[in-house]
């Protein structure tokens, strides 16, 4: 069985360490985000209660543990269990045992988090949810310290990076004209869903720099991904370019764990010799004794036969499921962030095919006045991530995901008349404590307002001169009242 020796990739142990521990870290963050936000958004008394969702679905198309029963207590148990498993993987404990131990740990993370995503409705309708699921399933087959990294799985992880990057690049080329005439980043740093602390500085850079950014983006997404499959050191150089461009996106915005996942997955193409040349502290002989170093040439793979069978099964499964994503990449009607099977494996990815040119922000205000007339004092609620206070520096939240703030960004692009948003306004009128904990600031300190209303504003970053004069990082202009004052019906 000499041919099986090709399946071993001992020169990619550093890549395996980064992939396993890094993906487990992002699972920990995802479960933590759900633990803190899911009950208020989707719990038994949430904005879109899961029990109502399950009752209204005669048969769920996608699997979830909650199809039998949902409770907030069970949700918290799933989150705590997922965080515990993820933590053991971060510290490398399952990796010390046989290869099936980390396999089962990652598959448990995949199943637990898929159970949450599949009942998460609009609050979990983001591309990075399915990216986390696919990455967790694929990384599960990387094995443990007792076996060399399997080459086919590393290639499939590079294929995942390819779909993520090339898919996003093609969406842009096929999308808005601003990507083709190189003007997209005249606007994007300002109008992106959740700006970070450096977004204003990025926006104020010269337009020539922004055009270079777009060119660099096209190169990184449309050209570089092909070199992930090239011989070393070209593959490692390609991975390095992807890591560099993703770090710029991390610094200039807040996209949950999307950019961090792209960074981690790129390491699938980084070999130990290249990593050692860049950082000499990275060893070249990780587990040579455990892998049977010094065995005669031509004896085949050093991994157990049963484990090879498992790896080849996972490889064939993911290859077969790749047909639809390949077809999608070649289609003029390319889908963005689409799953082609109920298990959310081998998906299509992409983002920002068009860039919004203006930033419209939705502000929610309340008053204690008996009547919402001109004499009423209106106070604005403060959100954690989305722009509000014009003097406040935006915070860095990624890889943590603020789901309410993200959906607030979509409201002016679609409609403010969303069912979940009216439920949110009702919770504010009730001074619902779990809902208020999702916010940065409650202007009524837990007291119930008599009325709430919704207003729209045009936001733009202040120029350097405007900032020196006013101290404001944002300039906002009132537009209109999107939802007139609402109150709770009188109690009977």
Protein backbone atom coordinates (compact mmCIF):
# COMPACT_ATOMS: atom_id res chain seq x y z
CA UNK A 1 0.00 0.00 0.00
CA UNK A 2 2.80 2.41 -0.90
CA UNK A 3 0.37 4.88 -2.48
CA UNK A 4 -1.21 5.56 0.91
CA UNK A 5 1.99 7.34 1.99
CA UNK A 6 0.81 10.30 -0.09
CA UNK A 7 -2.15 10.69 2.26
CA UNK A 8 0.20 11.72 5.10
CA UNK A 9 1.23 15.38 5.27
CA UNK A 10 3.68 15.47 8.22
CA UNK A 11 5.07 18.80 7.01
CA UNK A 12 1.73 20.50 7.87
CA UNK A 13 1.54 19.92 11.62
CA UNK A 14 1.70 23.65 12.41
CA UNK A 15 -1.25 24.15 10.06
CA UNK A 16 -3.22 21.46 11.91
CA UNK A 17 -2.51 23.05 15.29
CA UNK A 18 -3.69 26.46 14.06
CA UNK A 19 -6.78 25.04 12.37
CA UNK A 20 -7.98 22.84 15.21
CA UNK A 21 -7.36 25.28 18.03
CA UNK A 22 -8.42 28.34 16.03
CA UNK A 23 -11.71 26.90 14.76
CA UNK A 24 -12.48 25.62 18.28
CA UNK A 25 -11.89 29.15 19.59
CA UNK A 26 -14.41 30.57 17.15
CA UNK A 27 -16.93 27.91 18.19
CA UNK A 28 -16.41 29.00 21.78
CA UNK A 29 -17.15 32.61 20.78
CA UNK A 30 -20.21 31.55 18.79
CA UNK A 31 -21.67 29.57 21.69
CA UNK A 32 -20.90 32.44 24.08
CA UNK A 33 -22.68 34.87 21.76
CA UNK A 34 -25.71 32.57 21.66
CA UNK A 35 -25.69 32.10 25.42
CA UNK A 36 -25.81 35.86 25.95
CA UNK A 37 -28.30 36.79 23.23
CA UNK A 38 -30.41 33.83 22.09
CA UNK A 39 -32.92 33.78 25.00
CA UNK A 40 -33.80 37.46 24.56
CA UNK A 41 -33.96 37.26 20.77
CA UNK A 42 -35.43 33.80 20.18
CA UNK A 43 -36.16 32.21 23.55
CA UNK A 44 -39.47 31.32 25.12
CA UNK A 45 -40.26 35.04 25.60
CA UNK A 46 -38.01 36.33 22.83
CA UNK A 47 -38.72 38.53 19.84
CA UNK A 48 -39.20 35.52 17.55
CA UNK A 49 -39.87 32.66 20.00
CA UNK A 50 -38.51 29.31 18.88
CA UNK A 51 -41.55 27.41 20.28
CA UNK A 52 -43.81 29.43 17.94
CA UNK A 53 -41.43 28.79 15.04
CA UNK A 54 -41.41 25.05 15.71
CA UNK A 55 -45.19 24.94 16.13
CA UNK A 56 -45.64 26.71 12.79
CA UNK A 57 -43.34 24.30 10.95
CA UNK A 58 -45.01 20.99 10.31
CA UNK A 59 -41.64 19.51 9.41
CA UNK A 60 -38.27 21.20 9.70
CA UNK A 61 -36.11 20.68 6.67
CA UNK A 62 -32.88 21.04 8.61
CA UNK A 63 -31.91 18.97 11.66
CA UNK A 64 -31.92 20.39 15.17
CA UNK A 65 -31.99 18.96 18.67
CA UNK A 66 -34.82 21.36 19.43
CA UNK A 67 -37.24 19.70 16.99
CA UNK A 68 -38.45 17.56 19.90
CA UNK A 69 -38.56 20.27 22.54
CA UNK A 70 -37.24 23.75 23.12
CA UNK A 71 -36.64 25.51 26.41
CA UNK A 72 -34.29 28.29 27.43
CA UNK A 73 -32.74 25.94 29.95
CA UNK A 74 -31.96 23.40 27.23
CA UNK A 75 -30.54 26.14 25.01
CA UNK A 76 -28.21 27.25 27.78
CA UNK A 77 -27.16 23.64 28.37
CA UNK A 78 -26.29 23.31 24.67
CA UNK A 79 -24.26 26.54 24.80
CA UNK A 80 -22.39 25.58 27.97
CA UNK A 81 -21.74 22.11 26.59
CA UNK A 82 -20.44 23.53 23.32
CA UNK A 83 -18.19 25.98 25.15
CA UNK A 84 -16.78 23.19 27.33
CA UNK A 85 -15.98 20.96 24.33
CA UNK A 86 -14.48 23.88 22.43
CA UNK A 87 -12.29 24.81 25.40
CA UNK A 88 -10.81 21.29 25.60
CA UNK A 89 -9.92 21.50 21.90
CA UNK A 90 -8.34 24.93 22.32
CA UNK A 91 -6.09 23.48 25.02
CA UNK A 92 -5.35 20.45 22.84
CA UNK A 93 -6.66 17.77 25.21
CA UNK A 94 -8.66 15.60 22.74
CA UNK A 95 -5.73 15.85 20.31
CA UNK A 96 -3.59 13.88 22.77
CA UNK A 97 -5.70 10.76 22.28
CA UNK A 98 -6.57 8.61 19.27
CA UNK A 99 -7.75 10.46 16.12
CA UNK A 100 -11.39 9.59 16.71
CA UNK A 101 -11.46 11.69 19.91
CA UNK A 102 -11.02 15.13 18.23
CA UNK A 103 -13.23 13.81 15.40
CA UNK A 104 -16.11 13.23 17.81
CA UNK A 105 -15.43 16.53 19.63
CA UNK A 106 -15.66 18.61 16.44
CA UNK A 107 -18.68 16.70 15.16
CA UNK A 108 -20.37 17.41 18.50
CA UNK A 109 -19.64 21.14 18.06
CA UNK A 110 -21.01 20.98 14.53
CA UNK A 111 -24.23 19.23 15.58
CA UNK A 112 -24.82 21.42 18.64
CA UNK A 113 -24.27 24.68 16.81
CA UNK A 114 -26.28 23.51 13.79
CA UNK A 115 -29.16 22.88 16.19
CA UNK A 116 -29.02 26.56 17.18
CA UNK A 117 -28.58 27.93 13.66
CA UNK A 118 -31.47 25.93 12.24
CA UNK A 119 -33.98 27.53 14.62
CA UNK A 120 -32.26 30.94 14.67
CA UNK A 121 -34.41 32.38 11.86
CA UNK A 122 -33.36 35.84 10.68
CA UNK A 123 -30.99 36.38 13.62
CA UNK A 124 -28.82 33.51 12.36
CA UNK A 125 -29.19 34.15 8.64
CA UNK A 126 -25.55 35.11 8.08
CA UNK A 127 -23.02 33.47 5.81
CA UNK A 128 -20.48 32.99 8.57
CA UNK A 129 -22.86 30.68 10.42
CA UNK A 130 -22.70 28.08 7.64
CA UNK A 131 -18.97 28.80 7.24
CA UNK A 132 -18.38 27.89 10.88
CA UNK A 133 -20.44 24.72 10.47
CA UNK A 134 -18.60 23.61 7.33
CA UNK A 135 -15.19 24.42 8.83
CA UNK A 136 -15.97 22.51 12.02
CA UNK A 137 -17.07 19.43 10.09
CA UNK A 138 -14.02 19.45 7.82
CA UNK A 139 -11.47 20.14 10.56
CA UNK A 140 -12.92 17.14 12.45
CA UNK A 141 -11.05 14.85 10.04
CA UNK A 142 -7.61 16.33 10.76
CA UNK A 143 -6.98 13.63 13.36
CA UNK A 144 -4.85 13.84 16.50
CA UNK A 145 -1.20 14.12 17.52
CA UNK A 146 -0.88 10.36 17.08
CA UNK A 147 -1.34 10.51 13.29
CA UNK A 148 0.13 12.76 10.57
CA UNK A 149 -2.22 15.42 9.18
CA UNK A 150 -4.24 13.94 6.29
CA UNK A 151 -3.35 15.62 3.00
CA UNK A 152 -6.80 15.28 1.42
CA UNK A 153 -8.44 17.18 4.28
CA UNK A 154 -5.89 19.99 4.04
CA UNK A 155 -6.65 20.24 0.32
CA UNK A 156 -10.39 20.38 1.08
CA UNK A 157 -9.77 23.17 3.59
CA UNK A 158 -7.83 25.06 0.91
CA UNK A 159 -10.85 24.43 -1.36
CA UNK A 160 -13.05 26.00 1.31
CA UNK A 161 -10.80 29.10 1.38
CA UNK A 162 -10.94 29.17 -2.42
CA UNK A 163 -14.75 29.17 -2.44
CA UNK A 164 -14.86 31.80 0.28
CA UNK A 165 -12.43 34.19 -1.45
CA UNK A 166 -13.09 33.51 -5.13
CA UNK A 167 -16.84 33.40 -4.54
CA UNK A 168 -16.72 36.81 -2.86
CA UNK A 169 -14.58 38.19 -5.70
CA UNK A 170 -16.94 36.95 -8.41
CA UNK A 171 -19.97 38.33 -6.56
CA UNK A 172 -18.31 41.75 -6.64
CA UNK A 173 -17.33 41.59 -10.33
CA UNK A 174 -20.85 40.47 -11.24
CA UNK A 175 -22.42 42.95 -8.83
CA UNK A 176 -22.35 46.71 -8.49
CA UNK A 177 -20.49 48.92 -10.96
CA UNK A 178 -18.57 50.46 -8.06
CA UNK A 179 -16.41 47.32 -7.84
CA UNK A 180 -15.54 47.50 -11.53
CA UNK A 181 -14.79 51.24 -11.62
CA UNK A 182 -12.77 50.92 -8.36
CA UNK A 183 -14.92 53.37 -6.34
CA UNK A 184 -16.50 50.87 -3.89
CA UNK A 185 -14.29 51.86 -0.98
CA UNK A 186 -15.14 55.52 -1.39
CA UNK A 187 -18.23 54.44 0.58
CA UNK A 188 -17.77 51.03 2.19
CA UNK A 189 -15.77 52.00 5.30
CA UNK A 190 -18.53 54.51 6.14
CA UNK A 191 -21.60 52.47 5.20
CA UNK A 192 -20.54 48.97 6.35
CA UNK A 193 -22.89 47.34 8.88
CA UNK A 194 -20.83 47.92 12.01
CA UNK A 195 -17.80 50.25 11.77
CA UNK A 196 -14.83 49.69 14.06
CA UNK A 197 -12.55 52.13 15.88
CA UNK A 198 -10.34 52.61 12.80
CA UNK A 199 -13.12 52.76 10.19
CA UNK A 200 -13.29 56.56 10.14
CA UNK A 201 -9.53 56.85 9.64
CA UNK A 202 -9.76 54.30 6.82
CA UNK A 203 -12.60 56.24 5.22
CA UNK A 204 -10.63 59.51 5.32
CA UNK A 205 -7.67 58.07 3.41
CA UNK A 206 -7.14 59.51 -0.11
CA UNK A 207 -9.34 58.24 -2.92
CA UNK A 208 -6.26 56.98 -4.76
CA UNK A 209 -5.63 54.69 -1.77
CA UNK A 210 -9.23 53.44 -1.90
CA UNK A 211 -8.82 52.57 -5.58
CA UNK A 212 -5.66 50.66 -4.72
CA UNK A 213 -7.63 48.87 -1.97
CA UNK A 214 -10.18 47.68 -4.51
CA UNK A 215 -7.46 46.53 -6.91
CA UNK A 216 -5.75 44.71 -4.06
CA UNK A 217 -9.05 43.11 -3.10
CA UNK A 218 -9.63 41.87 -6.65
CA UNK A 219 -6.10 40.44 -6.80
CA UNK A 220 -6.46 38.74 -3.39
CA UNK A 221 -9.86 37.24 -4.21
CA UNK A 222 -9.69 36.47 -7.92
CA UNK A 223 -6.04 35.55 -8.53
CA UNK A 224 -4.38 34.53 -5.26
CA UNK A 225 -6.78 31.66 -4.32
CA UNK A 226 -5.60 29.58 -7.30
CA UNK A 227 -2.08 29.54 -5.86
CA UNK A 228 -3.28 27.84 -2.68
CA UNK A 229 -2.94 24.61 -4.65
CA UNK A 230 0.52 25.43 -6.03
CA UNK A 231 3.75 23.81 -4.82
CA UNK A 232 5.51 25.28 -1.82
CA UNK A 233 6.49 27.98 -1.07
CA UNK A 234 3.97 29.54 -3.52
CA UNK A 235 1.00 28.10 -1.59
CA UNK A 236 2.29 29.58 1.66
CA UNK A 237 2.84 32.97 -0.02
CA UNK A 238 -0.74 32.89 -1.31
CA UNK A 239 -1.97 32.07 2.20
CA UNK A 240 0.10 34.95 3.57
CA UNK A 241 -1.52 37.41 1.14
CA UNK A 242 -4.96 36.24 2.19
CA UNK A 243 -4.04 36.58 5.87
CA UNK A 244 -2.71 40.11 5.30
CA UNK A 245 -5.81 41.31 3.44
CA UNK A 246 -8.12 39.76 6.02
CA UNK A 247 -6.23 41.46 8.86
CA UNK A 248 -6.89 44.79 7.13
CA UNK A 249 -10.60 43.94 7.11
CA UNK A 250 -10.39 43.03 10.81
CA UNK A 251 -8.78 46.39 11.57
CA UNK A 252 -11.27 48.43 9.54
CA UNK A 253 -14.58 46.80 10.46
CA UNK A 254 -16.62 44.32 12.52
CA UNK A 255 -17.68 41.22 10.59
CA UNK A 256 -18.11 38.75 13.45
CA UNK A 257 -15.80 35.76 12.87
CA UNK A 258 -15.87 35.90 9.04
CA UNK A 259 -12.40 37.43 8.62
CA UNK A 260 -10.89 35.42 11.46
CA UNK A 261 -12.18 32.20 9.91
CA UNK A 262 -10.65 33.13 6.56
CA UNK A 263 -7.33 33.78 8.31
CA UNK A 264 -7.40 30.44 10.10
CA UNK A 265 -8.41 28.45 7.03
CA UNK A 266 -5.61 30.00 4.98
CA UNK A 267 -3.10 28.21 7.23
CA UNK A 268 -4.13 24.95 5.56
CA UNK A 269 -1.70 25.96 2.80
CA UNK A 270 1.20 26.93 5.10
CA UNK A 271 3.89 24.23 5.43
CA UNK A 272 6.10 23.76 8.46
CA UNK A 273 9.35 24.66 6.63
CA UNK A 274 7.91 27.98 5.50
CA UNK A 275 6.41 28.70 8.93
CA UNK A 276 9.77 27.80 10.53
CA UNK A 277 11.62 30.11 8.13
CA UNK A 278 9.35 33.01 9.12
CA UNK A 279 9.23 32.16 12.85
CA UNK A 280 12.18 29.94 13.86
CA UNK A 281 10.46 29.06 17.15
CA UNK A 282 8.01 26.88 15.19
CA UNK A 283 9.50 23.34 15.28
CA UNK A 284 10.04 21.11 12.27
CA UNK A 285 9.75 17.73 14.04
CA UNK A 286 6.49 17.88 15.95
CA UNK A 287 5.50 14.28 16.62
CA UNK A 288 7.92 12.29 14.52
CA UNK A 289 8.28 9.51 17.10
CA UNK A 290 4.53 9.03 17.46
CA UNK A 291 4.16 8.88 13.66
CA UNK A 292 6.77 6.17 13.24
CA UNK A 293 9.63 8.27 11.91
CA UNK A 294 12.44 6.18 10.58
CA UNK A 295 10.15 3.48 9.21
CA UNK A 296 11.37 1.87 5.98
CA UNK A 297 10.49 3.65 2.76
CA UNK A 298 7.53 2.33 0.82
CA UNK A 299 5.52 1.06 3.79
CA UNK A 300 2.64 3.45 3.12
CA UNK A 301 0.75 5.71 5.49
CA UNK A 302 1.70 5.84 9.16
CA UNK A 303 -1.96 6.29 10.15
CA UNK A 304 -4.09 3.30 11.23
CA UNK A 305 -6.06 1.69 8.41
CA UNK A 306 -9.38 2.32 10.15
CA UNK A 307 -8.55 6.02 10.41
CA UNK A 308 -7.58 6.16 6.73
CA UNK A 309 -10.97 4.71 5.86
CA UNK A 310 -12.70 7.42 7.93
CA UNK A 311 -10.63 10.17 6.30
CA UNK A 312 -11.30 8.86 2.81
CA UNK A 313 -15.02 8.64 3.57
CA UNK A 314 -15.05 12.29 4.67
CA UNK A 315 -13.01 13.25 1.62
CA UNK A 316 -15.31 11.53 -0.87
CA UNK A 317 -18.40 12.97 0.83
CA UNK A 318 -17.12 16.55 0.61
CA UNK A 319 -15.94 16.05 -2.97
CA UNK A 320 -19.34 14.76 -4.06
CA UNK A 321 -21.06 17.70 -2.37
CA UNK A 322 -18.75 20.13 -4.22
CA UNK A 323 -20.66 19.73 -7.49
CA UNK A 324 -23.33 22.36 -6.75
CA UNK A 325 -20.91 25.01 -5.42
CA UNK A 326 -18.73 24.60 -8.54
CA UNK A 327 -21.79 24.96 -10.73
CA UNK A 328 -22.77 28.06 -8.75
CA UNK A 329 -19.34 29.68 -9.16
CA UNK A 330 -19.60 29.29 -12.94
CA UNK A 331 -23.17 30.57 -13.13
CA UNK A 332 -24.07 34.09 -14.23
CA UNK A 333 -26.80 33.90 -11.56
CA UNK A 334 -24.34 33.14 -8.75
CA UNK A 335 -25.95 32.67 -5.35
CA UNK A 336 -24.36 34.30 -2.32
CA UNK A 337 -24.17 32.51 1.06
CA UNK A 338 -26.26 29.55 -0.04
CA UNK A 339 -26.46 26.02 1.41
CA UNK A 340 -27.21 23.21 -1.03
CA UNK A 341 -28.01 20.50 1.51
CA UNK A 342 -29.75 20.25 4.88
CA UNK A 343 -26.43 19.66 6.71
CA UNK A 344 -24.93 22.96 5.49
CA UNK A 345 -21.78 21.36 4.07
CA UNK A 346 -19.82 22.63 1.04
CA UNK A 347 -21.70 25.91 0.69
CA UNK A 348 -21.47 28.97 -1.55
CA UNK A 349 -20.08 32.15 -0.02
CA UNK A 350 -19.74 35.83 -0.91
CA UNK A 351 -20.46 39.28 0.45
CA UNK A 352 -21.08 42.88 -0.59
CA UNK A 353 -21.85 42.37 -4.26
CA UNK A 354 -23.06 45.95 -4.10
CA UNK A 355 -22.06 48.74 -1.73
CA UNK A 356 -24.55 51.17 -0.23
CA UNK A 357 -23.64 54.78 -0.94
CA UNK A 358 -25.35 56.37 2.06
CA UNK A 359 -25.69 55.31 5.67
CA UNK A 360 -29.23 55.45 7.04
CA UNK A 361 -29.48 54.75 10.77
CA UNK A 362 -32.61 53.80 12.68
CA UNK A 363 -32.92 55.48 16.08
CA UNK A 364 -35.38 54.30 18.73
CA UNK A 365 -36.65 56.87 21.21
CA UNK A 366 -38.97 56.76 24.19
CA UNK A 367 -40.75 59.22 26.43
CA UNK A 368 -42.39 59.20 29.85
CA UNK A 369 -44.87 61.88 28.80
CA UNK A 370 -48.56 61.04 28.90
CA UNK A 371 -49.00 62.32 25.34
CA UNK A 372 -46.40 62.18 22.55
CA UNK A 373 -46.84 65.80 21.50
CA UNK A 374 -44.32 68.60 20.90
CA UNK A 375 -43.81 69.09 24.64
CA UNK A 376 -42.69 65.48 25.23
CA UNK A 377 -39.06 64.82 26.11
CA UNK A 378 -37.75 62.03 23.86
CA UNK A 379 -34.72 60.00 24.93
CA UNK A 380 -32.75 57.77 22.58
CA UNK A 381 -31.77 54.17 23.36
CA UNK A 382 -28.09 53.34 22.96
CA UNK A 383 -26.96 50.24 21.09
CA UNK A 384 -23.68 48.43 21.71
CA UNK A 385 -22.27 48.29 18.22
CA UNK A 386 -24.30 50.28 15.74
CA UNK A 387 -23.70 54.05 15.43
CA UNK A 388 -25.81 56.27 17.65
CA UNK A 389 -23.99 58.83 19.81
CA UNK A 390 -22.17 61.03 17.28
CA UNK A 391 -19.20 61.52 19.62
CA UNK A 392 -18.70 57.89 20.56
CA UNK A 393 -15.78 55.93 19.11
CA UNK A 394 -17.08 52.68 17.52
CA UNK A 395 -15.85 49.63 19.41
CA UNK A 396 -14.12 46.53 18.12
CA UNK A 397 -16.49 43.60 18.64
CA UNK A 398 -15.40 40.96 16.14
CA UNK A 399 -15.20 38.00 16.37
CA UNK A 400 -18.10 38.41 18.83
CA UNK A 401 -21.40 38.79 16.97
CA UNK A 402 -23.95 41.44 17.98
CA UNK A 403 -27.02 40.07 16.23
CA UNK A 404 -29.53 42.78 17.14
CA UNK A 405 -27.20 45.55 15.97
CA UNK A 406 -26.56 43.80 12.67
CA UNK A 407 -30.27 43.43 11.93
CA UNK A 408 -30.80 47.10 12.76
CA UNK A 409 -28.47 47.90 9.83
CA UNK A 410 -30.70 45.93 7.45
CA UNK A 411 -33.92 47.75 8.42
CA UNK A 412 -33.52 50.85 6.20
CA UNK A 413 -32.31 48.64 3.33
CA UNK A 414 -35.46 46.52 3.49
CA UNK A 415 -38.27 47.82 5.70
CA UNK A 416 -38.67 48.87 9.31
CA UNK A 417 -41.96 46.98 9.38
CA UNK A 418 -40.38 43.69 10.41
CA UNK A 419 -42.24 41.46 12.85
CA UNK A 420 -39.21 41.11 15.11
CA UNK A 421 -38.74 44.89 15.22
CA UNK A 422 -42.29 45.58 16.40
CA UNK A 423 -41.78 42.86 19.02
CA UNK A 424 -38.60 44.67 20.06
CA UNK A 425 -40.49 47.96 20.45
CA UNK A 426 -43.11 46.21 22.58
CA UNK A 427 -40.35 44.80 24.81
CA UNK A 428 -39.00 48.32 25.29
CA UNK A 429 -42.45 49.53 26.33
CA UNK A 430 -42.51 46.70 28.88
CA UNK A 431 -38.96 47.53 30.02
CA UNK A 432 -38.18 43.85 29.50
CA UNK A 433 -34.89 43.24 31.31
CA UNK A 434 -33.43 40.54 28.99
CA UNK A 435 -34.08 42.83 26.00
CA UNK A 436 -32.60 45.86 27.72
CA UNK A 437 -29.44 43.86 28.49
CA UNK A 438 -28.86 43.64 24.73
CA UNK A 439 -28.47 47.43 24.66
CA UNK A 440 -25.61 49.65 25.75
CA UNK A 441 -27.83 52.19 27.46
CA UNK A 442 -31.42 52.37 28.68
CA UNK A 443 -32.27 56.08 29.07
CA UNK A 444 -35.02 55.23 31.57
CA UNK A 445 -32.97 53.07 33.97
CA UNK A 446 -35.49 50.24 33.92
CA UNK A 447 -38.62 52.41 34.10
CA UNK A 448 -41.32 51.80 31.51
CA UNK A 449 -41.66 54.51 28.86
CA UNK A 450 -45.19 55.53 27.93
CA UNK A 451 -44.41 55.82 24.23
CA UNK A 452 -41.70 54.77 21.78
CA UNK A 453 -41.07 55.96 18.25
CA UNK A 454 -38.59 55.30 15.43
CA UNK A 455 -36.71 57.94 13.50
CA UNK A 456 -34.33 57.76 10.53
CA UNK A 457 -31.11 59.73 10.20
CA UNK A 458 -28.49 60.13 7.51
CA UNK A 459 -25.05 59.46 9.02
CA UNK A 460 -21.64 60.25 7.59
CA UNK A 461 -18.17 60.39 9.07
CA UNK A 462 -17.02 63.87 10.01
CA UNK A 463 -14.05 65.35 8.20
CA UNK A 464 -10.90 66.11 10.16
CA UNK A 465 -11.86 69.82 10.21
CA UNK A 466 -15.38 69.05 11.45
CA UNK A 467 -13.99 66.79 14.17
CA UNK A 468 -11.59 69.49 15.40
CA UNK A 469 -14.45 71.98 15.51
CA UNK A 470 -17.22 69.83 17.04
CA UNK A 471 -15.60 66.72 18.54
CA UNK A 472 -18.13 64.65 16.60
CA UNK A 473 -17.05 61.51 14.77
CA UNK A 474 -20.37 61.36 12.96
CA UNK A 475 -22.48 64.05 11.34
CA UNK A 476 -26.14 63.10 11.33
CA UNK A 477 -29.07 64.71 9.56
CA UNK A 478 -32.70 63.97 10.55
CA UNK A 479 -34.71 62.42 7.73
CA UNK A 480 -38.18 61.38 8.85
CA UNK A 481 -40.24 59.56 11.43
CA UNK A 482 -40.22 55.92 10.30
CA UNK A 483 -42.73 54.64 12.88
CA UNK A 484 -44.99 57.10 14.75
CA UNK A 485 -45.35 56.92 18.54
CA UNK A 486 -46.60 53.58 19.86
CA UNK A 487 -47.81 52.58 23.30
CA UNK A 488 -49.08 49.44 24.97
CA UNK A 489 -52.84 48.93 25.00
CA UNK A 490 -54.44 49.95 28.30
CA UNK A 491 -54.70 47.16 30.83
CA UNK A 492 -58.20 45.85 31.41
